[in-house]
Amino acid sequence: MSVRHVLASIGLMVSLGAAAQRECVVVDMETGVPLSGVVVTVDTALISQYRSNYRGEFTVPAEADSIVLGRQGYLARHLLCSELTDTVALMRTFNALREVVIYGSMPQVSAGISNMLGKLKEENKYMPRQTPVVSFDFFSIFTAKKRKRTEKRIKALENY
């Protein structure tokens, strides 16, 4: 066999090994920015772990059955290799408090000041209220945006 045949067969073997792998990119679901340092756990006969590079790229071996993608601050994603696409999006985790309890106490006011406040309240009771002709609640803008973001997030979680 000549050197030419040996080099051609080595090149063929290397290209077949590279074709058996699959290249993917991990991105943030909201921004589309590639995520570096994502731990990719590949479930084959042996479980092995890889990390995505600074461009969010990682390689999955052809014999992989399923993969798990995870990173701190993001929800873990379990995928079968048949579901795997070229770009995989991870969703951020949001921590919210269910309930907040605030305790407070009424400040002590001297007798003279409390009498003055009582008289002012009585006088204001009989005064007509001044209501603006047109009212605008500045903070209602933010609650509407938050409501829309929450609805989008719930919809995304259903499809996740």
N, C-alpha and C. Protein backbone atom coordinates (compact mmCIF):
# COMPACT_ATOMS: atom_id res chain seq x y z
N MET A 1 0.84 -1.18 0.00
CA MET A 1 0.00 0.00 0.00
C MET A 1 0.88 1.24 0.00
N SER A 2 0.45 2.20 -0.73
CA SER A 2 1.25 3.42 -0.81
C SER A 2 0.86 4.40 0.30
N VAL A 3 1.69 5.38 0.45
CA VAL A 3 1.47 6.41 1.47
C VAL A 3 0.18 7.17 1.16
N ARG A 4 -0.11 7.31 -0.09
CA ARG A 4 -1.31 8.02 -0.52
C ARG A 4 -2.57 7.32 -0.01
N HIS A 5 -2.62 5.99 -0.11
CA HIS A 5 -3.78 5.22 0.35
C HIS A 5 -3.93 5.30 1.88
N VAL A 6 -2.80 5.27 2.58
CA VAL A 6 -2.84 5.34 4.04
C VAL A 6 -3.38 6.70 4.49
N LEU A 7 -2.88 7.78 3.89
CA LEU A 7 -3.36 9.11 4.25
C LEU A 7 -4.84 9.30 3.91
N ALA A 8 -5.27 8.76 2.79
CA ALA A 8 -6.68 8.87 2.41
C ALA A 8 -7.57 8.12 3.39
N SER A 9 -7.14 6.93 3.82
CA SER A 9 -7.96 6.16 4.77
C SER A 9 -8.00 6.83 6.15
N ILE A 10 -6.88 7.42 6.58
CA ILE A 10 -6.86 8.14 7.86
C ILE A 10 -7.79 9.36 7.78
N GLY A 11 -7.73 10.10 6.70
CA GLY A 11 -8.61 11.26 6.52
C GLY A 11 -10.08 10.86 6.51
N LEU A 12 -10.40 9.73 5.91
CA LEU A 12 -11.78 9.24 5.88
C LEU A 12 -12.25 8.87 7.28
N MET A 13 -11.40 8.22 8.07
CA MET A 13 -11.77 7.82 9.44
C MET A 13 -12.00 9.05 10.33
N VAL A 14 -11.14 10.05 10.19
CA VAL A 14 -11.28 11.26 11.00
C VAL A 14 -12.56 12.00 10.63
N SER A 15 -12.86 12.09 9.34
CA SER A 15 -14.07 12.80 8.92
C SER A 15 -15.33 12.06 9.35
N LEU A 16 -15.32 10.73 9.37
CA LEU A 16 -16.48 9.97 9.84
C LEU A 16 -16.69 10.16 11.33
N GLY A 17 -15.60 10.22 12.10
CA GLY A 17 -15.72 10.45 13.54
C GLY A 17 -16.27 11.84 13.84
N ALA A 18 -15.86 12.83 13.06
CA ALA A 18 -16.35 14.19 13.27
C ALA A 18 -17.81 14.31 12.83
N ALA A 19 -18.21 13.57 11.81
CA ALA A 19 -19.59 13.64 11.34
C ALA A 19 -20.55 12.98 12.33
N ALA A 20 -20.04 12.09 13.17
CA ALA A 20 -20.89 11.39 14.12
C ALA A 20 -21.26 12.29 15.29
N GLN A 21 -20.60 13.42 15.45
CA GLN A 21 -20.91 14.34 16.54
C GLN A 21 -21.86 15.42 16.05
N ARG A 22 -22.55 16.01 17.00
CA ARG A 22 -23.51 17.06 16.66
C ARG A 22 -23.15 18.34 17.40
N GLU A 23 -23.06 19.45 16.69
CA GLU A 23 -22.72 20.75 17.29
C GLU A 23 -23.99 21.53 17.57
N CYS A 24 -24.08 22.10 18.76
CA CYS A 24 -25.25 22.88 19.17
C CYS A 24 -24.80 24.15 19.87
N VAL A 25 -25.73 25.08 20.03
CA VAL A 25 -25.47 26.35 20.71
C VAL A 25 -26.54 26.55 21.78
N VAL A 26 -26.12 27.00 22.97
CA VAL A 26 -27.06 27.30 24.06
C VAL A 26 -27.20 28.81 24.17
N VAL A 27 -28.46 29.30 24.18
CA VAL A 27 -28.72 30.74 24.28
C VAL A 27 -29.72 31.02 25.40
N ASP A 28 -29.74 32.28 25.83
CA ASP A 28 -30.74 32.75 26.79
C ASP A 28 -32.07 32.90 26.05
N MET A 29 -33.16 32.40 26.65
CA MET A 29 -34.45 32.41 25.96
C MET A 29 -34.98 33.83 25.72
N GLU A 30 -34.75 34.73 26.64
CA GLU A 30 -35.31 36.08 26.51
C GLU A 30 -34.48 36.97 25.59
N THR A 31 -33.15 36.89 25.73
CA THR A 31 -32.29 37.81 24.98
C THR A 31 -31.67 37.19 23.74
N GLY A 32 -31.55 35.86 23.69
CA GLY A 32 -30.91 35.21 22.56
C GLY A 32 -29.40 35.26 22.60
N VAL A 33 -28.82 35.67 23.73
CA VAL A 33 -27.37 35.77 23.88
C VAL A 33 -26.81 34.38 24.20
N PRO A 34 -25.72 33.96 23.53
CA PRO A 34 -25.12 32.66 23.84
C PRO A 34 -24.64 32.59 25.28
N LEU A 35 -24.81 31.43 25.91
CA LEU A 35 -24.43 31.24 27.31
C LEU A 35 -23.17 30.40 27.40
N SER A 36 -22.17 30.90 28.10
CA SER A 36 -20.95 30.13 28.30
C SER A 36 -21.03 29.41 29.64
N GLY A 37 -20.29 28.33 29.76
CA GLY A 37 -20.21 27.61 31.03
C GLY A 37 -21.43 26.78 31.36
N VAL A 38 -22.27 26.47 30.38
CA VAL A 38 -23.43 25.61 30.62
C VAL A 38 -22.93 24.18 30.73
N VAL A 39 -23.34 23.48 31.78
CA VAL A 39 -22.94 22.09 31.97
C VAL A 39 -23.89 21.21 31.15
N VAL A 40 -23.31 20.44 30.23
CA VAL A 40 -24.08 19.55 29.37
C VAL A 40 -23.78 18.12 29.82
N THR A 41 -24.76 17.46 30.42
CA THR A 41 -24.61 16.08 30.87
C THR A 41 -25.19 15.18 29.79
N VAL A 42 -24.34 14.32 29.23
CA VAL A 42 -24.75 13.44 28.14
C VAL A 42 -24.96 12.05 28.71
N ASP A 43 -26.14 11.47 28.46
CA ASP A 43 -26.48 10.14 28.95
C ASP A 43 -26.28 9.13 27.83
N THR A 44 -25.19 8.41 27.88
CA THR A 44 -24.92 7.31 26.95
C THR A 44 -24.75 6.08 27.82
N ALA A 45 -23.96 5.11 27.37
CA ALA A 45 -23.66 3.96 28.23
C ALA A 45 -22.96 4.46 29.49
N LEU A 46 -22.12 5.46 29.35
CA LEU A 46 -21.48 6.14 30.48
C LEU A 46 -22.00 7.57 30.50
N ILE A 47 -22.19 8.10 31.69
CA ILE A 47 -22.64 9.49 31.80
C ILE A 47 -21.40 10.38 31.80
N SER A 48 -21.38 11.35 30.91
CA SER A 48 -20.24 12.26 30.82
C SER A 48 -20.75 13.70 30.79
N GLN A 49 -19.88 14.61 31.21
CA GLN A 49 -20.25 16.02 31.26
C GLN A 49 -19.32 16.84 30.38
N TYR A 50 -19.90 17.82 29.73
CA TYR A 50 -19.15 18.78 28.92
C TYR A 50 -19.58 20.17 29.35
N ARG A 51 -18.83 21.18 28.90
CA ARG A 51 -19.20 22.58 29.16
C ARG A 51 -19.23 23.32 27.83
N SER A 52 -20.15 24.26 27.73
CA SER A 52 -20.19 25.07 26.52
C SER A 52 -19.07 26.11 26.58
N ASN A 53 -18.56 26.48 25.41
CA ASN A 53 -17.47 27.46 25.36
C ASN A 53 -18.03 28.88 25.47
N TYR A 54 -17.20 29.88 25.26
CA TYR A 54 -17.61 31.27 25.44
C TYR A 54 -18.65 31.71 24.42
N ARG A 55 -18.80 30.97 23.31
CA ARG A 55 -19.83 31.27 22.32
C ARG A 55 -21.08 30.42 22.50
N GLY A 56 -21.13 29.65 23.59
CA GLY A 56 -22.29 28.81 23.88
C GLY A 56 -22.32 27.52 23.09
N GLU A 57 -21.23 27.17 22.43
CA GLU A 57 -21.19 25.97 21.59
C GLU A 57 -20.78 24.75 22.41
N PHE A 58 -21.39 23.61 22.09
CA PHE A 58 -20.99 22.34 22.69
C PHE A 58 -21.23 21.24 21.67
N THR A 59 -20.60 20.08 21.90
CA THR A 59 -20.70 18.96 20.98
C THR A 59 -21.33 17.77 21.68
N VAL A 60 -22.27 17.11 21.01
CA VAL A 60 -22.94 15.94 21.56
C VAL A 60 -22.50 14.73 20.74
N PRO A 61 -22.02 13.66 21.40
CA PRO A 61 -21.64 12.46 20.66
C PRO A 61 -22.86 11.81 19.99
N ALA A 62 -22.62 11.07 18.93
CA ALA A 62 -23.71 10.45 18.17
C ALA A 62 -24.43 9.38 18.98
N GLU A 63 -23.73 8.70 19.87
CA GLU A 63 -24.35 7.61 20.63
C GLU A 63 -25.14 8.09 21.84
N ALA A 64 -25.31 9.39 22.00
CA ALA A 64 -26.02 9.94 23.16
C ALA A 64 -27.52 9.65 23.05
N ASP A 65 -28.12 9.29 24.19
CA ASP A 65 -29.56 9.04 24.24
C ASP A 65 -30.32 10.31 24.61
N SER A 66 -29.85 10.98 25.65
CA SER A 66 -30.49 12.22 26.10
C SER A 66 -29.44 13.13 26.71
N ILE A 67 -29.78 14.39 26.84
CA ILE A 67 -28.86 15.35 27.45
C ILE A 67 -29.63 16.19 28.46
N VAL A 68 -28.88 16.73 29.42
CA VAL A 68 -29.43 17.66 30.41
C VAL A 68 -28.54 18.90 30.38
N LEU A 69 -29.16 20.06 30.16
CA LEU A 69 -28.43 21.32 30.13
C LEU A 69 -28.76 22.09 31.41
N GLY A 70 -27.73 22.61 32.07
CA GLY A 70 -27.98 23.34 33.31
C GLY A 70 -26.92 24.40 33.56
N ARG A 71 -27.35 25.47 34.17
CA ARG A 71 -26.45 26.55 34.57
C ARG A 71 -27.09 27.28 35.73
N GLN A 72 -26.27 27.83 36.61
CA GLN A 72 -26.79 28.55 37.76
C GLN A 72 -27.58 29.76 37.28
N GLY A 73 -28.78 29.92 37.83
CA GLY A 73 -29.65 31.02 37.44
C GLY A 73 -30.59 30.68 36.30
N TYR A 74 -30.54 29.44 35.80
CA TYR A 74 -31.39 29.00 34.70
C TYR A 74 -32.06 27.68 35.06
N LEU A 75 -33.24 27.44 34.49
CA LEU A 75 -33.92 26.16 34.69
C LEU A 75 -33.20 25.07 33.91
N ALA A 76 -33.05 23.90 34.52
CA ALA A 76 -32.41 22.77 33.83
C ALA A 76 -33.34 22.29 32.72
N ARG A 77 -32.77 21.87 31.62
CA ARG A 77 -33.56 21.41 30.47
C ARG A 77 -33.15 19.99 30.12
N HIS A 78 -34.11 19.06 30.11
CA HIS A 78 -33.88 17.66 29.75
C HIS A 78 -34.40 17.46 28.33
N LEU A 79 -33.53 16.94 27.45
CA LEU A 79 -33.90 16.73 26.05
C LEU A 79 -33.46 15.36 25.58
N LEU A 80 -34.31 14.71 24.79
CA LEU A 80 -33.88 13.51 24.08
C LEU A 80 -33.11 13.98 22.85
N CYS A 81 -32.23 13.15 22.34
CA CYS A 81 -31.43 13.57 21.19
C CYS A 81 -32.30 13.76 19.95
N SER A 82 -33.45 13.10 19.90
CA SER A 82 -34.37 13.31 18.77
C SER A 82 -35.00 14.70 18.84
N GLU A 83 -35.11 15.29 20.03
CA GLU A 83 -35.68 16.63 20.20
C GLU A 83 -34.64 17.73 20.07
N LEU A 84 -33.38 17.37 20.03
CA LEU A 84 -32.28 18.34 20.04
C LEU A 84 -32.21 19.08 18.71
N THR A 85 -32.17 20.41 18.78
CA THR A 85 -32.00 21.24 17.59
C THR A 85 -30.63 21.90 17.64
N ASP A 86 -30.31 22.69 16.63
CA ASP A 86 -29.01 23.35 16.59
C ASP A 86 -28.88 24.42 17.67
N THR A 87 -29.99 25.04 18.04
CA THR A 87 -29.99 26.07 19.07
C THR A 87 -30.95 25.66 20.18
N VAL A 88 -30.44 25.65 21.41
CA VAL A 88 -31.25 25.29 22.58
C VAL A 88 -31.34 26.51 23.48
N ALA A 89 -32.56 26.86 23.88
CA ALA A 89 -32.77 28.05 24.72
C ALA A 89 -33.02 27.63 26.16
N LEU A 90 -32.37 28.32 27.10
CA LEU A 90 -32.59 28.09 28.53
C LEU A 90 -33.33 29.29 29.11
N MET A 91 -34.25 29.01 30.04
CA MET A 91 -35.05 30.05 30.67
C MET A 91 -34.48 30.40 32.04
N ARG A 92 -34.45 31.69 32.34
CA ARG A 92 -33.97 32.15 33.64
C ARG A 92 -34.93 31.74 34.75
N THR A 93 -34.38 31.57 35.95
CA THR A 93 -35.23 31.31 37.11
C THR A 93 -35.47 32.63 37.83
N PHE A 94 -36.68 32.82 38.27
CA PHE A 94 -37.03 34.02 39.02
C PHE A 94 -37.48 33.59 40.40
N ASN A 95 -36.90 34.18 41.41
CA ASN A 95 -37.28 33.89 42.78
C ASN A 95 -38.21 34.99 43.26
N ALA A 96 -39.37 34.58 43.70
CA ALA A 96 -40.35 35.55 44.19
C ALA A 96 -40.82 35.13 45.57
N LEU A 97 -41.04 36.11 46.42
CA LEU A 97 -41.57 35.84 47.75
C LEU A 97 -43.08 35.69 47.65
N ARG A 98 -43.60 34.69 48.32
CA ARG A 98 -45.04 34.48 48.30
C ARG A 98 -45.76 35.47 49.22
N GLU A 99 -45.16 35.79 50.35
CA GLU A 99 -45.83 36.65 51.31
C GLU A 99 -44.78 37.45 52.07
N VAL A 100 -45.09 38.70 52.31
CA VAL A 100 -44.21 39.56 53.09
C VAL A 100 -45.04 40.14 54.23
N VAL A 101 -44.54 40.01 55.44
CA VAL A 101 -45.22 40.55 56.62
C VAL A 101 -44.38 41.69 57.16
N ILE A 102 -45.01 42.84 57.35
CA ILE A 102 -44.32 44.02 57.87
C ILE A 102 -44.99 44.42 59.17
N TYR A 103 -44.20 44.55 60.21
CA TYR A 103 -44.70 44.99 61.51
C TYR A 103 -44.25 46.42 61.74
N GLY A 104 -45.14 47.23 62.27
CA GLY A 104 -44.80 48.61 62.56
C GLY A 104 -45.59 49.10 63.76
N SER A 105 -45.22 50.24 64.24
CA SER A 105 -45.95 50.81 65.37
C SER A 105 -46.22 52.28 65.09
N MET A 106 -47.29 52.76 65.66
CA MET A 106 -47.69 54.15 65.50
C MET A 106 -46.78 55.02 66.36
N PRO A 107 -46.23 56.08 65.81
CA PRO A 107 -45.37 56.94 66.63
C PRO A 107 -46.19 57.68 67.69
N GLN A 108 -45.58 57.92 68.81
CA GLN A 108 -46.23 58.64 69.90
C GLN A 108 -46.22 60.13 69.59
N VAL A 109 -47.38 60.77 69.66
CA VAL A 109 -47.50 62.19 69.37
C VAL A 109 -47.96 62.88 70.65
N SER A 110 -47.42 64.05 70.90
CA SER A 110 -47.79 64.76 72.13
C SER A 110 -49.25 65.22 72.06
N ALA A 111 -49.83 65.56 73.19
CA ALA A 111 -51.26 65.91 73.29
C ALA A 111 -51.59 67.16 72.49
N GLY A 112 -50.72 68.17 72.50
CA GLY A 112 -50.99 69.42 71.78
C GLY A 112 -51.06 69.21 70.28
N ILE A 113 -50.14 68.41 69.76
CA ILE A 113 -50.11 68.16 68.32
C ILE A 113 -51.31 67.31 67.92
N SER A 114 -51.65 66.31 68.74
CA SER A 114 -52.78 65.45 68.39
C SER A 114 -54.09 66.24 68.39
N ASN A 115 -54.25 67.22 69.29
CA ASN A 115 -55.45 68.06 69.28
C ASN A 115 -55.52 68.90 68.01
N MET A 116 -54.38 69.45 67.58
CA MET A 116 -54.34 70.23 66.35
C MET A 116 -54.72 69.38 65.15
N LEU A 117 -54.18 68.17 65.10
CA LEU A 117 -54.49 67.28 63.98
C LEU A 117 -55.97 66.93 63.97
N GLY A 118 -56.55 66.70 65.14
CA GLY A 118 -57.98 66.40 65.22
C GLY A 118 -58.83 67.55 64.70
N LYS A 119 -58.47 68.80 65.03
CA LYS A 119 -59.21 69.96 64.56
C LYS A 119 -59.09 70.10 63.04
N LEU A 120 -57.88 69.86 62.51
CA LEU A 120 -57.70 69.95 61.06
C LEU A 120 -58.53 68.91 60.33
N LYS A 121 -58.60 67.71 60.89
CA LYS A 121 -59.41 66.66 60.26
C LYS A 121 -60.88 67.05 60.25
N GLU A 122 -61.37 67.65 61.32
CA GLU A 122 -62.77 68.07 61.38
C GLU A 122 -63.04 69.18 60.38
N GLU A 123 -62.12 70.13 60.24
CA GLU A 123 -62.31 71.22 59.30
C GLU A 123 -62.30 70.70 57.86
N ASN A 124 -61.40 69.79 57.57
CA ASN A 124 -61.29 69.26 56.21
C ASN A 124 -62.48 68.37 55.84
N LYS A 125 -63.18 67.88 56.83
CA LYS A 125 -64.32 67.01 56.57
C LYS A 125 -65.41 67.75 55.81
N TYR A 126 -65.57 69.06 56.08
CA TYR A 126 -66.64 69.85 55.47
C TYR A 126 -66.19 70.56 54.20
N MET A 127 -64.93 70.51 53.88
CA MET A 127 -64.42 71.16 52.66
C MET A 127 -64.68 70.26 51.46
N PRO A 128 -65.06 70.85 50.32
CA PRO A 128 -65.26 70.01 49.13
C PRO A 128 -63.91 69.50 48.61
N ARG A 129 -63.95 68.29 48.13
CA ARG A 129 -62.70 67.70 47.61
C ARG A 129 -62.43 68.24 46.22
N GLN A 130 -61.17 68.46 45.96
CA GLN A 130 -60.78 68.91 44.64
C GLN A 130 -60.28 67.71 43.86
N THR A 131 -61.02 67.34 42.85
CA THR A 131 -60.61 66.22 42.01
C THR A 131 -60.20 66.77 40.66
N PRO A 132 -59.14 66.27 40.10
CA PRO A 132 -58.72 66.76 38.80
C PRO A 132 -59.70 66.31 37.71
N VAL A 133 -59.80 67.10 36.67
CA VAL A 133 -60.69 66.76 35.56
C VAL A 133 -60.17 65.52 34.84
N VAL A 134 -58.87 65.48 34.60
CA VAL A 134 -58.24 64.34 33.96
C VAL A 134 -57.23 63.77 34.92
N SER A 135 -57.30 62.47 35.14
CA SER A 135 -56.33 61.86 36.05
C SER A 135 -55.46 60.89 35.27
N PHE A 136 -54.22 60.78 35.71
CA PHE A 136 -53.27 59.87 35.07
C PHE A 136 -52.45 59.22 36.17
N ASP A 137 -52.49 57.90 36.19
CA ASP A 137 -51.73 57.15 37.18
C ASP A 137 -50.44 56.67 36.53
N PHE A 138 -49.33 57.28 36.88
CA PHE A 138 -48.04 56.96 36.27
C PHE A 138 -47.63 55.52 36.51
N PHE A 139 -47.90 55.00 37.71
CA PHE A 139 -47.44 53.66 38.07
C PHE A 139 -48.28 52.55 37.44
N SER A 140 -49.45 52.88 36.91
CA SER A 140 -50.25 51.85 36.24
C SER A 140 -49.57 51.37 34.97
N ILE A 141 -48.68 52.16 34.39
CA ILE A 141 -47.93 51.74 33.21
C ILE A 141 -47.06 50.54 33.55
N PHE A 142 -46.41 50.59 34.70
CA PHE A 142 -45.49 49.52 35.08
C PHE A 142 -46.23 48.24 35.41
N THR A 143 -47.41 48.35 36.02
CA THR A 143 -48.15 47.13 36.35
C THR A 143 -48.65 46.46 35.08
N ALA A 144 -49.02 47.24 34.07
CA ALA A 144 -49.47 46.65 32.80
C ALA A 144 -48.31 45.93 32.12
N LYS A 145 -47.12 46.55 32.14
CA LYS A 145 -45.96 45.90 31.54
C LYS A 145 -45.60 44.62 32.29
N LYS A 146 -45.69 44.68 33.61
CA LYS A 146 -45.37 43.50 34.42
C LYS A 146 -46.38 42.39 34.13
N ARG A 147 -47.65 42.76 33.99
CA ARG A 147 -48.68 41.77 33.70
C ARG A 147 -48.40 41.10 32.36
N LYS A 148 -48.02 41.88 31.35
CA LYS A 148 -47.71 41.33 30.03
C LYS A 148 -46.51 40.39 30.11
N ARG A 149 -45.45 40.82 30.86
CA ARG A 149 -44.27 39.97 31.01
C ARG A 149 -44.62 38.66 31.71
N THR A 150 -45.48 38.74 32.72
CA THR A 150 -45.88 37.54 33.45
C THR A 150 -46.67 36.61 32.54
N GLU A 151 -47.57 37.16 31.73
CA GLU A 151 -48.33 36.33 30.80
C GLU A 151 -47.41 35.66 29.79
N LYS A 152 -46.42 36.40 29.27
CA LYS A 152 -45.46 35.82 28.32
C LYS A 152 -44.67 34.69 28.97
N ARG A 153 -44.28 34.90 30.22
CA ARG A 153 -43.49 33.89 30.94
C ARG A 153 -44.31 32.63 31.17
N ILE A 154 -45.58 32.77 31.53
CA ILE A 154 -46.44 31.60 31.74
C ILE A 154 -46.62 30.85 30.44
N LYS A 155 -46.80 31.58 29.34
CA LYS A 155 -46.95 30.94 28.04
C LYS A 155 -45.67 30.21 27.64
N ALA A 156 -44.52 30.81 27.92
CA ALA A 156 -43.23 30.18 27.60
C ALA A 156 -43.01 28.93 28.44
N LEU A 157 -43.43 28.97 29.71
CA LEU A 157 -43.28 27.79 30.57
C LEU A 157 -44.15 26.64 30.10
N GLU A 158 -45.32 26.94 29.52
CA GLU A 158 -46.17 25.87 28.98
C GLU A 158 -45.50 25.17 27.81
N ASN A 159 -44.74 25.92 27.01
CA ASN A 159 -44.07 25.35 25.84
C ASN A 159 -42.68 24.83 26.16
N TYR A 160 -42.18 25.02 27.36
CA TYR A 160 -40.81 24.68 27.73
C TYR A 160 -40.63 23.20 27.87
